Amino acid sequence: MQIIGGGAIGLLLAGRLAASGIRVCVRTRTRAQAEALASGGVTVLSAPGSADVRAQVDAAALDDAAAVPAGDTLLAVKQTALTPDFLDRLDAAMPPGASITAFCNGIGHTDLLAARLPGRRLYAAVTTEASLRIDATTVRHTGIGEIRLGRAPLFERSGTAFAAGEESEAATVATMLKQAGFSATLSNDMAERMLRKLLSNAVVNPLTALLRVPNGALVRTPERTALMRSLFDETLTVLEACGLPRDARLWDELLELCARTAANRSSMLQDVLANRPTEIGAINGAVVRLAARHGANAPYNESLVALVSAMRGDDKEG
């Protein structure tokens, strides 16, 4: 199996899959990280109640033409990485007929990947696993969650459209993830799953980034909880217009997520602290674009896009 991306989720997947006996090749942006992984393997500092994992992996830079993809590919990068240059490199690294399962936040990436990687089979995955990259070869598993995967929906096309792919192939990937100890389930409704994940990301990520607090701190004061609820209600209204079924449990699930990943720093908070581009455009920006498509307003989401973008002095992230 090939995993593209040496960040928090990529290292978590690589370490656990390799420890379960699956041969893993990690493809990284830099040769320095690839060399470190090839020599030292991946270390996963596990969530409480689980043993730490150390596993040897193959590794190569994404530009290394000599690296031969082995089996299925998991794409574990942020949407900010999907630049034209990166997509060209990804295209070169994936032979025709290959399959790719994209672990990306937000929506829009499946449409982009389907357009830029013709002749490949594309699947989507969403996860509530929480992790924090410590260094080039080490990741801390900060919260146990689940993975849902299946055929990739294409949100920019009219009606219900999916990228090319076979359910049996997605099922094989799910089986390997289960072998690695993940709670992985095949889903035949990834559009709903992706919208549900977008809902939680649109609330947790920007608020933790602005307040500079871990997930659990969002519910420690009435003021923060009220702000979460206002943003949640606005975002849910937009996503319901896009087909997300109304479910009274969604708010409780969000609160449970914050409790389960209380110590975790969201990916957007990590990006802000490291002065990196954030996924605000792919998350809250996507909500704003969906609202406009349906003739609605999303003032909370619009404000968060502006505020998080301004934290880097750059209002053109998305």
Protein backbone atom coordinates (compact mmCIF):
# COMPACT_ATOMS: atom_id res chain seq x y z
CA MET A 1 0.00 0.00 0.00
CA GLN A 2 1.17 3.50 -0.83
CA ILE A 3 0.43 6.42 1.50
CA ILE A 4 0.98 9.89 0.11
CA GLY A 5 1.57 12.43 2.86
CA GLY A 6 3.84 12.44 5.88
CA GLY A 7 1.66 14.53 8.18
CA ALA A 8 -0.30 13.52 11.25
CA ILE A 9 -2.91 11.31 9.56
CA GLY A 10 -0.46 9.91 7.01
CA LEU A 11 1.99 8.78 9.69
CA LEU A 12 -0.80 7.36 11.85
CA LEU A 13 -2.13 5.29 8.96
CA ALA A 14 1.36 4.21 7.89
CA GLY A 15 2.48 3.17 11.35
CA ARG A 16 -0.60 1.17 12.21
CA LEU A 17 -0.89 -0.50 8.79
CA ALA A 18 2.80 -1.45 8.72
CA ALA A 19 2.64 -2.83 12.27
CA SER A 20 -0.25 -5.08 11.19
CA GLY A 21 1.93 -6.74 8.56
CA ILE A 22 0.95 -4.75 5.49
CA ARG A 23 3.84 -3.48 3.40
CA VAL A 24 3.65 0.29 3.29
CA CYS A 25 5.47 2.85 1.17
CA VAL A 26 5.17 6.43 2.41
CA ARG A 27 5.57 9.08 -0.29
CA THR A 28 6.57 12.45 1.14
CA ARG A 29 7.03 15.98 -0.13
CA THR A 30 10.69 16.11 0.91
CA ARG A 31 13.50 13.63 0.48
CA ALA A 32 14.75 14.42 3.98
CA GLN A 33 11.58 13.04 5.56
CA ALA A 34 11.59 10.04 3.23
CA GLU A 35 15.16 9.20 4.26
CA ALA A 36 14.30 9.54 7.95
CA LEU A 37 11.30 7.22 7.57
CA ALA A 38 13.24 4.67 5.53
CA SER A 39 15.96 4.46 8.18
CA GLY A 40 13.96 4.79 11.38
CA GLY A 41 10.41 3.73 10.51
CA VAL A 42 7.26 5.25 12.03
CA THR A 43 6.56 5.62 15.74
CA VAL A 44 2.96 5.99 16.89
CA LEU A 45 2.57 7.18 20.47
CA SER A 46 -0.76 5.57 21.11
CA ALA A 47 -3.93 6.84 22.72
CA PRO A 48 -4.44 5.97 26.41
CA GLY A 49 -5.09 2.29 26.92
CA SER A 50 -3.14 1.20 23.84
CA ALA A 51 0.50 0.25 23.35
CA ASP A 52 2.87 2.43 21.37
CA VAL A 53 3.59 1.22 17.84
CA ARG A 54 6.91 1.19 16.00
CA ALA A 55 7.03 -0.14 12.45
CA GLN A 56 9.42 -0.19 9.53
CA VAL A 57 8.16 1.31 6.26
CA ASP A 58 9.47 1.93 2.79
CA ALA A 59 9.64 5.61 1.91
CA ALA A 60 10.40 7.81 -1.07
CA ALA A 61 9.89 11.38 -2.14
CA LEU A 62 6.85 11.92 -4.34
CA ASP A 63 9.13 13.02 -7.17
CA ASP A 64 11.17 9.80 -7.03
CA ALA A 65 10.42 8.18 -10.37
CA ALA A 66 12.08 4.93 -9.24
CA ALA A 67 9.47 4.37 -6.51
CA VAL A 68 6.89 1.88 -7.75
CA PRO A 69 3.40 2.18 -6.23
CA ALA A 70 2.43 -0.98 -4.37
CA GLY A 71 -1.30 -1.70 -4.41
CA ASP A 72 -3.85 0.83 -3.23
CA THR A 73 -2.99 4.46 -2.47
CA LEU A 74 -4.20 6.50 0.49
CA LEU A 75 -3.94 10.26 -0.02
CA ALA A 76 -3.46 11.88 3.39
CA VAL A 77 -2.87 15.56 2.69
CA LYS A 78 -4.71 18.80 3.36
CA GLN A 79 -6.63 20.52 0.60
CA THR A 80 -4.08 23.33 0.71
CA ALA A 81 -1.58 20.83 -0.71
CA LEU A 82 -3.65 20.22 -3.85
CA THR A 83 -1.89 22.87 -5.91
CA PRO A 84 -1.48 22.48 -9.70
CA ASP A 85 2.18 21.53 -9.17
CA PHE A 86 1.33 18.88 -6.55
CA LEU A 87 -1.43 17.44 -8.73
CA ASP A 88 1.01 17.14 -11.63
CA ARG A 89 3.42 15.26 -9.35
CA LEU A 90 0.59 13.07 -8.08
CA ASP A 91 -0.46 12.30 -11.64
CA ALA A 92 3.08 11.18 -12.45
CA ALA A 93 3.24 9.02 -9.31
CA MET A 94 0.01 7.12 -10.07
CA PRO A 95 -0.08 4.81 -13.07
CA PRO A 96 -3.26 4.53 -15.16
CA GLY A 97 -5.77 2.21 -13.54
CA ALA A 98 -4.53 2.90 -10.03
CA SER A 99 -6.92 3.52 -7.15
CA ILE A 100 -6.72 6.34 -4.64
CA THR A 101 -8.63 6.90 -1.39
CA ALA A 102 -8.61 10.54 -0.36
CA PHE A 103 -8.51 11.47 3.34
CA CYS A 104 -9.15 15.21 2.98
CA ASN A 105 -11.24 17.65 4.98
CA GLY A 106 -13.97 19.74 3.43
CA ILE A 107 -15.51 19.16 0.03
CA GLY A 108 -14.35 19.98 -3.46
CA HIS A 109 -11.28 17.76 -3.48
CA THR A 110 -13.09 14.80 -5.03
CA ASP A 111 -14.19 16.91 -7.99
CA LEU A 112 -10.67 18.27 -8.38
CA LEU A 113 -8.98 14.87 -8.14
CA ALA A 114 -11.43 13.26 -10.55
CA ALA A 115 -10.72 16.00 -13.10
CA ARG A 116 -6.93 15.97 -12.67
CA LEU A 117 -6.40 12.19 -12.38
CA PRO A 118 -8.32 10.67 -15.30
CA GLY A 119 -8.16 6.93 -15.69
CA ARG A 120 -7.87 6.29 -11.95
CA ARG A 121 -10.49 4.97 -9.54
CA LEU A 122 -11.28 7.42 -6.76
CA TYR A 123 -12.71 6.83 -3.30
CA ALA A 124 -13.40 9.19 -0.41
CA ALA A 125 -12.71 8.65 3.28
CA VAL A 126 -13.66 10.64 6.36
CA THR A 127 -12.20 10.01 9.78
CA THR A 128 -12.64 11.21 13.32
CA GLU A 129 -9.27 9.79 14.36
CA ALA A 130 -7.22 12.53 16.03
CA SER A 131 -3.44 12.75 15.80
CA LEU A 132 -0.58 15.18 16.25
CA ARG A 133 2.69 14.96 14.36
CA ILE A 134 5.65 15.25 16.72
CA ASP A 135 8.46 15.12 14.16
CA ALA A 136 9.25 13.65 10.75
CA THR A 137 8.80 10.05 11.94
CA THR A 138 6.68 10.30 15.09
CA VAL A 139 2.97 10.90 15.59
CA ARG A 140 0.83 10.96 18.73
CA HIS A 141 -2.58 9.30 18.47
CA THR A 142 -4.60 11.77 20.54
CA GLY A 143 -8.12 10.44 20.04
CA ILE A 144 -9.68 7.19 18.85
CA GLY A 145 -12.37 7.62 16.23
CA GLU A 146 -13.66 5.86 13.15
CA ILE A 147 -13.16 5.80 9.39
CA ARG A 148 -15.91 5.70 6.78
CA LEU A 149 -15.04 5.21 3.11
CA GLY A 150 -16.72 4.52 -0.20
CA ARG A 151 -17.22 5.76 -3.74
CA ALA A 152 -16.33 9.44 -4.06
CA PRO A 153 -19.25 11.84 -4.59
CA LEU A 154 -18.82 14.72 -7.03
CA PHE A 155 -20.53 17.72 -5.47
CA GLU A 156 -20.08 20.12 -8.39
CA ARG A 157 -22.13 18.04 -10.81
CA SER A 158 -25.90 18.12 -10.98
CA GLY A 159 -27.75 15.30 -9.29
CA THR A 160 -25.97 12.43 -7.56
CA ALA A 161 -22.69 11.76 -9.35
CA PHE A 162 -19.72 9.64 -8.32
CA ALA A 163 -16.18 9.23 -9.54
CA ALA A 164 -15.19 5.97 -11.17
CA GLY A 165 -14.75 3.19 -8.63
CA GLU A 166 -15.92 -0.21 -7.47
CA GLU A 167 -17.46 -0.97 -4.07
CA SER A 168 -15.44 -4.19 -3.81
CA GLU A 169 -12.18 -2.25 -4.09
CA ALA A 170 -13.23 0.17 -1.33
CA ALA A 171 -14.17 -2.85 0.77
CA THR A 172 -10.63 -4.21 0.38
CA VAL A 173 -9.18 -0.96 1.71
CA ALA A 174 -11.62 -1.06 4.64
CA THR A 175 -10.50 -4.60 5.44
CA MET A 176 -6.85 -3.56 5.57
CA LEU A 177 -7.68 -0.64 7.84
CA LYS A 178 -9.57 -3.00 10.15
CA GLN A 179 -6.56 -5.32 10.18
CA ALA A 180 -4.54 -2.34 11.40
CA GLY A 181 -6.93 -1.87 14.32
CA PHE A 182 -9.00 1.01 12.97
CA SER A 183 -12.78 1.09 13.15
CA ALA A 184 -13.35 1.21 9.39
CA THR A 185 -16.74 0.88 7.69
CA LEU A 186 -17.74 0.82 4.05
CA SER A 187 -20.40 3.46 3.31
CA ASN A 188 -22.71 3.70 0.32
CA ASP A 189 -23.57 7.31 1.14
CA MET A 190 -20.31 9.19 1.31
CA ALA A 191 -22.01 12.47 0.35
CA GLU A 192 -23.84 12.46 3.67
CA ARG A 193 -20.72 11.36 5.54
CA MET A 194 -18.66 14.14 4.00
CA LEU A 195 -21.31 16.75 4.79
CA ARG A 196 -21.49 15.53 8.40
CA LYS A 197 -17.71 15.81 8.69
CA LEU A 198 -17.84 19.26 7.08
CA LEU A 199 -20.36 20.31 9.72
CA SER A 200 -18.11 19.32 12.63
CA ASN A 201 -14.99 20.73 10.99
CA ALA A 202 -16.73 24.04 10.25
CA VAL A 203 -17.47 24.48 13.95
CA VAL A 204 -14.45 22.99 15.73
CA ASN A 205 -11.56 23.97 13.46
CA PRO A 206 -11.99 27.75 13.11
CA LEU A 207 -13.08 28.31 16.72
CA THR A 208 -10.15 26.36 18.18
CA ALA A 209 -7.81 28.23 15.82
CA LEU A 210 -9.15 31.66 16.81
CA LEU A 211 -9.34 30.92 20.53
CA ARG A 212 -6.10 28.90 20.45
CA VAL A 213 -7.51 26.13 22.59
CA PRO A 214 -7.75 22.32 22.28
CA ASN A 215 -11.06 20.79 21.24
CA GLY A 216 -12.32 20.11 24.74
CA ALA A 217 -11.95 23.75 25.80
CA LEU A 218 -14.72 24.79 23.40
CA VAL A 219 -17.38 23.52 25.80
CA ARG A 220 -15.85 24.72 29.07
CA THR A 221 -17.72 28.04 29.20
CA PRO A 222 -21.33 28.98 28.36
CA GLU A 223 -20.10 31.73 26.03
CA ARG A 224 -18.02 29.36 23.92
CA THR A 225 -20.79 26.76 23.81
CA ALA A 226 -23.28 29.41 22.70
CA LEU A 227 -20.93 30.52 19.92
CA MET A 228 -20.52 26.92 18.82
CA ARG A 229 -24.28 26.48 18.73
CA SER A 230 -24.88 29.58 16.61
CA LEU A 231 -22.23 28.50 14.09
CA PHE A 232 -23.58 24.94 14.14
CA ASP A 233 -27.16 26.05 13.45
CA GLU A 234 -26.15 28.28 10.55
CA THR A 235 -23.94 25.62 8.97
CA LEU A 236 -26.53 22.88 9.44
CA THR A 237 -29.16 24.97 7.65
CA VAL A 238 -26.86 25.37 4.64
CA LEU A 239 -25.89 21.69 4.53
CA GLU A 240 -29.50 20.54 4.85
CA ALA A 241 -30.21 22.49 1.66
CA CYS A 242 -27.42 20.41 0.06
CA GLY A 243 -28.99 17.11 1.07
CA LEU A 244 -27.78 16.46 4.62
CA PRO A 245 -30.71 14.76 6.41
CA ARG A 246 -32.00 16.52 9.52
CA ASP A 247 -30.91 14.58 12.59
CA ALA A 248 -31.50 15.84 16.12
CA ARG A 249 -28.45 13.88 17.28
CA LEU A 250 -25.94 15.94 15.29
CA TRP A 251 -25.44 18.52 18.06
CA ASP A 252 -24.92 15.81 20.67
CA GLU A 253 -22.46 14.08 18.35
CA LEU A 254 -20.49 17.30 18.07
CA LEU A 255 -20.34 17.67 21.85
CA GLU A 256 -19.25 14.04 22.14
CA LEU A 257 -16.52 14.64 19.56
CA CYS A 258 -15.15 17.53 21.62
CA ALA A 259 -15.17 15.33 24.73
CA ARG A 260 -13.54 12.35 23.00
CA THR A 261 -10.77 14.51 21.48
CA ALA A 262 -10.56 16.98 24.37
CA ALA A 263 -6.75 17.16 24.37
CA ASN A 264 -6.42 17.34 20.61
CA ARG A 265 -5.33 20.46 18.79
CA SER A 266 -7.29 20.74 15.56
CA SER A 267 -5.39 20.74 12.30
CA MET A 268 -6.36 24.37 11.75
CA LEU A 269 -5.03 25.37 15.17
CA GLN A 270 -1.79 23.53 14.41
CA ASP A 271 -1.51 25.39 11.10
CA VAL A 272 -2.14 28.78 12.73
CA LEU A 273 0.45 28.13 15.43
CA ALA A 274 2.98 27.10 12.78
CA ASN A 275 2.05 30.06 10.52
CA ARG A 276 1.05 27.70 7.73
CA PRO A 277 -1.83 28.14 5.26
CA THR A 278 -5.06 26.77 6.71
CA GLU A 279 -7.97 24.87 5.19
CA ILE A 280 -10.41 27.67 6.02
CA GLY A 281 -11.28 28.05 2.34
CA ALA A 282 -12.03 24.34 1.94
CA ILE A 283 -14.12 24.17 5.11
CA ASN A 284 -15.95 27.37 6.07
CA GLY A 285 -15.32 28.83 2.64
CA ALA A 286 -17.06 25.79 1.17
CA VAL A 287 -20.06 26.46 3.42
CA VAL A 288 -20.20 30.06 2.17
CA ARG A 289 -20.09 28.91 -1.46
CA LEU A 290 -22.81 26.33 -0.87
CA ALA A 291 -24.98 28.96 0.83
CA ALA A 292 -24.61 31.26 -2.17
CA ARG A 293 -25.53 28.42 -4.52
CA HIS A 294 -28.79 27.95 -2.64
CA GLY A 295 -29.57 31.64 -2.26
CA ALA A 296 -28.80 31.71 1.48
CA ASN A 297 -26.51 33.72 3.73
CA ALA A 298 -23.85 32.39 6.08
CA PRO A 299 -22.55 35.41 8.04
CA TYR A 300 -20.83 33.44 10.80
CA ASN A 301 -18.94 31.36 8.26
CA GLU A 302 -18.07 34.44 6.20
CA SER A 303 -16.67 36.16 9.28
CA LEU A 304 -14.59 33.13 10.24
CA VAL A 305 -13.09 32.89 6.76
CA ALA A 306 -12.02 36.53 7.00
CA LEU A 307 -10.74 36.26 10.57
CA VAL A 308 -8.72 33.06 10.16
CA SER A 309 -7.30 34.29 6.86
CA ALA A 310 -6.31 37.59 8.50
CA MET A 311 -4.36 35.72 11.19
CA ARG A 312 -1.74 35.02 8.52
CA GLY A 313 -2.08 38.38 6.86
CA ASP A 314 -3.42 36.58 3.79
CA ASP A 315 -7.04 36.71 2.74
CA LYS A 316 -6.57 34.52 -0.32
CA GLU A 317 -6.16 31.08 1.26
CA GLY A 318 -9.23 29.51 -0.27
